[in-house]
């Protein structure tokens, strides 16, 4: 889900200007650091999403 989102965004920003591309690179660097700091939270969110998808 997240990976496809990132790929779509990458495609979108590739078509846009250089300013947006640099912003995207900064955002990606930030999100990479964010994931390194809080991997358990992301794991919990994934588990919650799986539980929700099973219940529906």
Foldseek 3Di string as FASTA:
>chain_A
DVVVVLVVVVVVVVPDDPVVVVVNVVVVVVVVVVCVVDVVVVVVVVVVVVVVVVVD
